[in-house]
Amino acid sequence: SIDGRRGRVRARHYVLAAGGIENARIL
């Protein structure tokens, strides 16, 4: 978060659905 908090999400499968620019950025 922008206030400095950090964490993780653990899952069996992941989907990037953040848009045409942000999907590439995350990868």
PDB file of all heavy atoms in Angstrom:
ATOM      1  N   SER A   1       0.850  -1.189   0.000  1.00  0.00           N
ATOM      2  CA  SER A   1       0.000   0.000   0.000  1.00  0.00           C
ATOM      3  C   SER A   1       0.885   1.239   0.000  1.00  0.00           C
ATOM      4  O   SER A   1       2.069   1.172   0.344  1.00  0.00           O
ATOM      5  CB  SER A   1      -0.928   0.014   1.220  1.00  0.00           C
ATOM      6  OG  SER A   1      -0.171   0.067   2.417  1.00  0.00           O
ATOM      7  N   ILE A   2       0.307   2.377  -0.342  1.00  0.00           N
ATOM      8  CA  ILE A   2       1.115   3.582  -0.455  1.00  0.00           C
ATOM      9  C   ILE A   2       1.533   4.128   0.904  1.00  0.00           C
ATOM     10  O   ILE A   2       2.353   5.038   0.968  1.00  0.00           O
ATOM     11  CB  ILE A   2       0.373   4.675  -1.266  1.00  0.00           C
ATOM     12  CG1 ILE A   2      -1.006   4.953  -0.677  1.00  0.00           C
ATOM     13  CG2 ILE A   2       0.250   4.262  -2.728  1.00  0.00           C
ATOM     14  CD1 ILE A   2      -1.753   6.060  -1.391  1.00  0.00           C
ATOM     15  N   ASP A   3       0.989   3.568   2.003  1.00  0.00           N
ATOM     16  CA  ASP A   3       1.435   3.999   3.331  1.00  0.00           C
ATOM     17  C   ASP A   3       2.593   3.144   3.854  1.00  0.00           C
ATOM     18  O   ASP A   3       2.977   3.252   5.013  1.00  0.00           O
ATOM     19  CB  ASP A   3       0.271   4.001   4.322  1.00  0.00           C
ATOM     20  CG  ASP A   3      -0.285   2.605   4.595  1.00  0.00           C
ATOM     21  OD1 ASP A   3       0.163   1.645   3.934  1.00  0.00           O
ATOM     22  OD2 ASP A   3      -1.179   2.479   5.463  1.00  0.00           O
ATOM     23  N   GLY A   4       3.137   2.287   2.983  1.00  0.00           N
ATOM     24  CA  GLY A   4       4.327   1.515   3.341  1.00  0.00           C
ATOM     25  C   GLY A   4       4.078   0.090   3.773  1.00  0.00           C
ATOM     26  O   GLY A   4       5.027  -0.657   4.044  1.00  0.00           O
ATOM     27  N   ARG A   5       2.849  -0.335   3.816  1.00  0.00           N
ATOM     28  CA  ARG A   5       2.551  -1.705   4.234  1.00  0.00           C
ATOM     29  C   ARG A   5       2.921  -2.697   3.147  1.00  0.00           C
ATOM     30  O   ARG A   5       2.745  -2.430   1.957  1.00  0.00           O
ATOM     31  CB  ARG A   5       1.065  -1.813   4.549  1.00  0.00           C
ATOM     32  CG  ARG A   5       0.690  -3.118   5.225  1.00  0.00           C
ATOM     33  CD  ARG A   5      -0.783  -3.101   5.555  1.00  0.00           C
ATOM     34  NE  ARG A   5      -1.123  -4.192   6.430  1.00  0.00           N
ATOM     35  CZ  ARG A   5      -2.365  -4.514   6.766  1.00  0.00           C
ATOM     36  NH1 ARG A   5      -3.368  -3.787   6.312  1.00  0.00           N
ATOM     37  NH2 ARG A   5      -2.602  -5.525   7.566  1.00  0.00           N
ATOM     38  N   ARG A   6       3.441  -3.856   3.528  1.00  0.00           N
ATOM     39  CA  ARG A   6       3.829  -4.886   2.576  1.00  0.00           C
ATOM     40  C   ARG A   6       3.304  -6.244   3.046  1.00  0.00           C
ATOM     41  O   ARG A   6       3.185  -6.508   4.243  1.00  0.00           O
ATOM     42  CB  ARG A   6       5.356  -4.962   2.422  1.00  0.00           C
ATOM     43  CG  ARG A   6       5.999  -3.659   1.932  1.00  0.00           C
ATOM     44  CD  ARG A   6       5.594  -3.356   0.497  1.00  0.00           C
ATOM     45  NE  ARG A   6       6.206  -2.149  -0.028  1.00  0.00           N
ATOM     46  CZ  ARG A   6       5.629  -0.937  -0.017  1.00  0.00           C
ATOM     47  NH1 ARG A   6       4.402  -0.791   0.495  1.00  0.00           N
ATOM     48  NH2 ARG A   6       6.250   0.112  -0.518  1.00  0.00           N
ATOM     49  N   GLY A   7       2.989  -7.098   2.066  1.00  0.00           N
ATOM     50  CA  GLY A   7       2.482  -8.421   2.403  1.00  0.00           C
ATOM     51  C   GLY A   7       2.523  -9.329   1.186  1.00  0.00           C
ATOM     52  O   GLY A   7       3.138  -9.000   0.148  1.00  0.00           O
ATOM     53  N   ARG A   8       1.875 -10.474   1.294  1.00  0.00           N
ATOM     54  CA  ARG A   8       1.840 -11.444   0.193  1.00  0.00           C
ATOM     55  C   ARG A   8       0.465 -12.089   0.112  1.00  0.00           C
ATOM     56  O   ARG A   8      -0.245 -12.209   1.106  1.00  0.00           O
ATOM     57  CB  ARG A   8       2.887 -12.547   0.397  1.00  0.00           C
ATOM     58  CG  ARG A   8       4.325 -12.140   0.114  1.00  0.00           C
ATOM     59  CD  ARG A   8       5.250 -13.348   0.270  1.00  0.00           C
ATOM     60  NE  ARG A   8       6.608 -13.032  -0.106  1.00  0.00           N
ATOM     61  CZ  ARG A   8       7.518 -12.478   0.703  1.00  0.00           C
ATOM     62  NH1 ARG A   8       7.168 -12.168   1.953  1.00  0.00           N
ATOM     63  NH2 ARG A   8       8.735 -12.246   0.284  1.00  0.00           N
ATOM     64  N   VAL A   9       0.137 -12.523  -1.088  1.00  0.00           N
ATOM     65  CA  VAL A   9      -1.004 -13.399  -1.317  1.00  0.00           C
ATOM     66  C   VAL A   9      -0.453 -14.684  -1.917  1.00  0.00           C
ATOM     67  O   VAL A   9       0.241 -14.647  -2.942  1.00  0.00           O
ATOM     68  CB  VAL A   9      -2.038 -12.775  -2.276  1.00  0.00           C
ATOM     69  CG1 VAL A   9      -3.205 -13.739  -2.499  1.00  0.00           C
ATOM     70  CG2 VAL A   9      -2.550 -11.448  -1.742  1.00  0.00           C
ATOM     71  N   ARG A  10      -0.750 -15.797  -1.266  1.00  0.00           N
ATOM     72  CA  ARG A  10      -0.331 -17.111  -1.781  1.00  0.00           C
ATOM     73  C   ARG A  10      -1.563 -17.828  -2.295  1.00  0.00           C
ATOM     74  O   ARG A  10      -2.587 -17.904  -1.614  1.00  0.00           O
ATOM     75  CB  ARG A  10       0.361 -17.912  -0.685  1.00  0.00           C
ATOM     76  CG  ARG A  10       1.705 -17.335  -0.280  1.00  0.00           C
ATOM     77  CD  ARG A  10       2.387 -18.185   0.794  1.00  0.00           C
ATOM     78  NE  ARG A  10       3.740 -17.722   1.068  1.00  0.00           N
ATOM     79  CZ  ARG A  10       4.035 -16.731   1.904  1.00  0.00           C
ATOM     80  NH1 ARG A  10       3.052 -16.117   2.568  1.00  0.00           N
ATOM     81  NH2 ARG A  10       5.290 -16.359   2.104  1.00  0.00           N
ATOM     82  N   ALA A  11      -1.450 -18.379  -3.493  1.00  0.00           N
ATOM     83  CA  ALA A  11      -2.594 -19.034  -4.128  1.00  0.00           C
ATOM     84  C   ALA A  11      -2.106 -20.193  -4.980  1.00  0.00           C
ATOM     85  O   ALA A  11      -0.899 -20.361  -5.214  1.00  0.00           O
ATOM     86  CB  ALA A  11      -3.373 -18.036  -4.977  1.00  0.00           C
ATOM     87  N   ARG A  12      -3.058 -20.982  -5.459  1.00  0.00           N
ATOM     88  CA  ARG A  12      -2.713 -22.090  -6.356  1.00  0.00           C
ATOM     89  C   ARG A  12      -2.590 -21.613  -7.794  1.00  0.00           C
ATOM     90  O   ARG A  12      -1.746 -22.090  -8.544  1.00  0.00           O
ATOM     91  CB  ARG A  12      -3.782 -23.183  -6.238  1.00  0.00           C
ATOM     92  CG  ARG A  12      -3.802 -23.866  -4.875  1.00  0.00           C
ATOM     93  CD  ARG A  12      -5.127 -24.574  -4.628  1.00  0.00           C
ATOM     94  NE  ARG A  12      -5.383 -25.609  -5.611  1.00  0.00           N
ATOM     95  CZ  ARG A  12      -6.572 -26.200  -5.771  1.00  0.00           C
ATOM     96  NH1 ARG A  12      -7.609 -25.821  -5.023  1.00  0.00           N
ATOM     97  NH2 ARG A  12      -6.732 -27.134  -6.683  1.00  0.00           N
ATOM     98  N   HIS A  13      -3.434 -20.675  -8.169  1.00  0.00           N
ATOM     99  CA  HIS A  13      -3.377 -20.079  -9.503  1.00  0.00           C
ATOM    100  C   HIS A  13      -3.528 -18.567  -9.392  1.00  0.00           C
ATOM    101  O   HIS A  13      -4.165 -18.054  -8.463  1.00  0.00           O
ATOM    102  CB  HIS A  13      -4.473 -20.650 -10.408  1.00  0.00           C
ATOM    103  CG  HIS A  13      -4.152 -22.021 -10.932  1.00  0.00           C
ATOM    104  ND1 HIS A  13      -3.524 -22.226 -12.143  1.00  0.00           N
ATOM    105  CD2 HIS A  13      -4.355 -23.244 -10.390  1.00  0.00           C
ATOM    106  CE1 HIS A  13      -3.361 -23.525 -12.329  1.00  0.00           C
ATOM    107  NE2 HIS A  13      -3.855 -24.172 -11.298  1.00  0.00           N
ATOM    108  N   TYR A  14      -2.922 -17.881 -10.387  1.00  0.00           N
ATOM    109  CA  TYR A  14      -2.905 -16.416 -10.403  1.00  0.00           C
ATOM    110  C   TYR A  14      -3.378 -15.919 -11.764  1.00  0.00           C
ATOM    111  O   TYR A  14      -3.064 -16.528 -12.800  1.00  0.00           O
ATOM    112  CB  TYR A  14      -1.489 -15.886 -10.139  1.00  0.00           C
ATOM    113  CG  TYR A  14      -0.909 -16.304  -8.803  1.00  0.00           C
ATOM    114  CD1 TYR A  14      -0.355 -17.580  -8.625  1.00  0.00           C
ATOM    115  CD2 TYR A  14      -0.919 -15.428  -7.712  1.00  0.00           C
ATOM    116  CE1 TYR A  14       0.166 -17.967  -7.403  1.00  0.00           C
ATOM    117  CE2 TYR A  14      -0.387 -15.801  -6.490  1.00  0.00           C
ATOM    118  CZ  TYR A  14       0.145 -17.071  -6.333  1.00  0.00           C
ATOM    119  OH  TYR A  14       0.673 -17.452  -5.121  1.00  0.00           O
ATOM    120  N   VAL A  15      -4.098 -14.804 -11.757  1.00  0.00           N
ATOM    121  CA  VAL A  15      -4.552 -14.165 -12.994  1.00  0.00           C
ATOM    122  C   VAL A  15      -4.178 -12.690 -12.945  1.00  0.00           C
ATOM    123  O   VAL A  15      -4.494 -11.998 -11.968  1.00  0.00           O
ATOM    124  CB  VAL A  15      -6.076 -14.281 -13.188  1.00  0.00           C
ATOM    125  CG1 VAL A  15      -6.512 -13.550 -14.454  1.00  0.00           C
ATOM    126  CG2 VAL A  15      -6.510 -15.737 -13.250  1.00  0.00           C
ATOM    127  N   LEU A  16      -3.514 -12.211 -13.986  1.00  0.00           N
ATOM    128  CA  LEU A  16      -3.289 -10.784 -14.150  1.00  0.00           C
ATOM    129  C   LEU A  16      -4.424 -10.226 -15.004  1.00  0.00           C
ATOM    130  O   LEU A  16      -4.596 -10.624 -16.156  1.00  0.00           O
ATOM    131  CB  LEU A  16      -1.945 -10.516 -14.831  1.00  0.00           C
ATOM    132  CG  LEU A  16      -0.695 -10.976 -14.082  1.00  0.00           C
ATOM    133  CD1 LEU A  16       0.559 -10.593 -14.862  1.00  0.00           C
ATOM    134  CD2 LEU A  16      -0.638 -10.396 -12.674  1.00  0.00           C
ATOM    135  N   ALA A  17      -5.195  -9.319 -14.425  1.00  0.00           N
ATOM    136  CA  ALA A  17      -6.320  -8.698 -15.127  1.00  0.00           C
ATOM    137  C   ALA A  17      -6.290  -7.199 -14.865  1.00  0.00           C
ATOM    138  O   ALA A  17      -7.298  -6.579 -14.558  1.00  0.00           O
ATOM    139  CB  ALA A  17      -7.639  -9.307 -14.653  1.00  0.00           C
ATOM    140  N   ALA A  18      -5.090  -6.619 -15.003  1.00  0.00           N
ATOM    141  CA  ALA A  18      -4.853  -5.233 -14.592  1.00  0.00           C
ATOM    142  C   ALA A  18      -4.806  -4.255 -15.754  1.00  0.00           C
ATOM    143  O   ALA A  18      -4.458  -3.092 -15.557  1.00  0.00           O
ATOM    144  CB  ALA A  18      -3.556  -5.154 -13.787  1.00  0.00           C
ATOM    145  N   GLY A  19      -5.118  -4.708 -16.971  1.00  0.00           N
ATOM    146  CA  GLY A  19      -5.138  -3.797 -18.116  1.00  0.00           C
ATOM    147  C   GLY A  19      -3.969  -3.994 -19.055  1.00  0.00           C
ATOM    148  O   GLY A  19      -2.967  -4.635 -18.725  1.00  0.00           O
ATOM    149  N   GLY A  20      -4.095  -3.415 -20.248  1.00  0.00           N
ATOM    150  CA  GLY A  20      -3.129  -3.648 -21.320  1.00  0.00           C
ATOM    151  C   GLY A  20      -1.737  -3.137 -21.037  1.00  0.00           C
ATOM    152  O   GLY A  20      -0.763  -3.649 -21.606  1.00  0.00           O
ATOM    153  N   ILE A  21      -1.596  -2.135 -20.181  1.00  0.00           N
ATOM    154  CA  ILE A  21      -0.270  -1.627 -19.824  1.00  0.00           C
ATOM    155  C   ILE A  21       0.236  -2.304 -18.558  1.00  0.00           C
ATOM    156  O   ILE A  21       1.370  -2.772 -18.483  1.00  0.00           O
ATOM    157  CB  ILE A  21      -0.316  -0.096 -19.648  1.00  0.00           C
ATOM    158  CG1 ILE A  21      -0.608   0.584 -20.983  1.00  0.00           C
ATOM    159  CG2 ILE A  21       0.995   0.419 -19.057  1.00  0.00           C
ATOM    160  CD1 ILE A  21      -0.745   2.097 -20.901  1.00  0.00           C
ATOM    161  N   GLU A  22      -0.625  -2.384 -17.535  1.00  0.00           N
ATOM    162  CA  GLU A  22      -0.180  -2.866 -16.225  1.00  0.00           C
ATOM    163  C   GLU A  22       0.096  -4.360 -16.217  1.00  0.00           C
ATOM    164  O   GLU A  22       0.979  -4.828 -15.467  1.00  0.00           O
ATOM    165  CB  GLU A  22      -1.220  -2.506 -15.168  1.00  0.00           C
ATOM    166  CG  GLU A  22      -0.651  -2.292 -13.784  1.00  0.00           C
ATOM    167  CD  GLU A  22       0.231  -1.060 -13.658  1.00  0.00           C
ATOM    168  OE1 GLU A  22       0.299  -0.254 -14.616  1.00  0.00           O
ATOM    169  OE2 GLU A  22       0.857  -0.899 -12.595  1.00  0.00           O
ATOM    170  N   ASN A  23      -0.609  -5.158 -17.013  1.00  0.00           N
ATOM    171  CA  ASN A  23      -0.286  -6.589 -17.083  1.00  0.00           C
ATOM    172  C   ASN A  23       1.163  -6.796 -17.487  1.00  0.00           C
ATOM    173  O   ASN A  23       1.895  -7.598 -16.889  1.00  0.00           O
ATOM    174  CB  ASN A  23      -1.198  -7.289 -18.089  1.00  0.00           C
ATOM    175  CG  ASN A  23      -2.593  -7.548 -17.545  1.00  0.00           C
ATOM    176  OD1 ASN A  23      -2.834  -7.436 -16.340  1.00  0.00           O
ATOM    177  ND2 ASN A  23      -3.519  -7.904 -18.425  1.00  0.00           N
ATOM    178  N   ALA A  24       1.597  -6.077 -18.512  1.00  0.00           N
ATOM    179  CA  ALA A  24       2.989  -6.187 -18.958  1.00  0.00           C
ATOM    180  C   ALA A  24       3.941  -5.652 -17.902  1.00  0.00           C
ATOM    181  O   ALA A  24       5.007  -6.244 -17.645  1.00  0.00           O
ATOM    182  CB  ALA A  24       3.173  -5.417 -20.271  1.00  0.00           C
ATOM    183  N   ARG A  25       3.572  -4.560 -17.266  1.00  0.00           N
ATOM    184  CA  ARG A  25       4.451  -3.975 -16.251  1.00  0.00           C
ATOM    185  C   ARG A  25       4.707  -4.947 -15.104  1.00  0.00           C
ATOM    186  O   ARG A  25       5.844  -5.099 -14.635  1.00  0.00           O
ATOM    187  CB  ARG A  25       3.823  -2.685 -15.705  1.00  0.00           C
ATOM    188  CG  ARG A  25       4.705  -1.950 -14.695  1.00  0.00           C
ATOM    189  CD  ARG A  25       3.945  -0.847 -14.001  1.00  0.00           C
ATOM    190  NE  ARG A  25       4.777  -0.064 -13.115  1.00  0.00           N
ATOM    191  CZ  ARG A  25       4.322   0.672 -12.112  1.00  0.00           C
ATOM    192  NH1 ARG A  25       3.015   0.723 -11.875  1.00  0.00           N
ATOM    193  NH2 ARG A  25       5.147   1.357 -11.346  1.00  0.00           N
ATOM    194  N   ILE A  26       3.656  -5.619 -14.633  1.00  0.00           N
ATOM    195  CA  ILE A  26       3.816  -6.554 -13.512  1.00  0.00           C
ATOM    196  C   ILE A  26       4.736  -7.707 -13.903  1.00  0.00           C
ATOM    197  O   ILE A  26       5.598  -8.131 -13.121  1.00  0.00           O
ATOM    198  CB  ILE A  26       2.441  -7.069 -13.047  1.00  0.00           C
ATOM    199  CG1 ILE A  26       1.629  -5.911 -12.440  1.00  0.00           C
ATOM    200  CG2 ILE A  26       2.597  -8.187 -12.020  1.00  0.00           C
ATOM    201  CD1 ILE A  26       0.164  -6.242 -12.210  1.00  0.00           C
ATOM    202  N   LEU A  27       4.581  -8.236 -15.105  1.00  0.00           N
ATOM    203  CA  LEU A  27       5.467  -9.311 -15.561  1.00  0.00           C
ATOM    204  C   LEU A  27       6.916  -8.830 -15.649  1.00  0.00           C
ATOM    205  O   LEU A  27       7.847  -9.539 -15.248  1.00  0.00           O
ATOM    206  CB  LEU A  27       5.003  -9.840 -16.911  1.00  0.00           C
ATOM    207  CG  LEU A  27       3.690 -10.633 -16.920  1.00  0.00           C
ATOM    208  CD1 LEU A  27       3.275 -10.954 -18.347  1.00  0.00           C
ATOM    209  CD2 LEU A  27       3.820 -11.912 -16.102  1.00  0.00           C
TER     210      LEU A  27
END
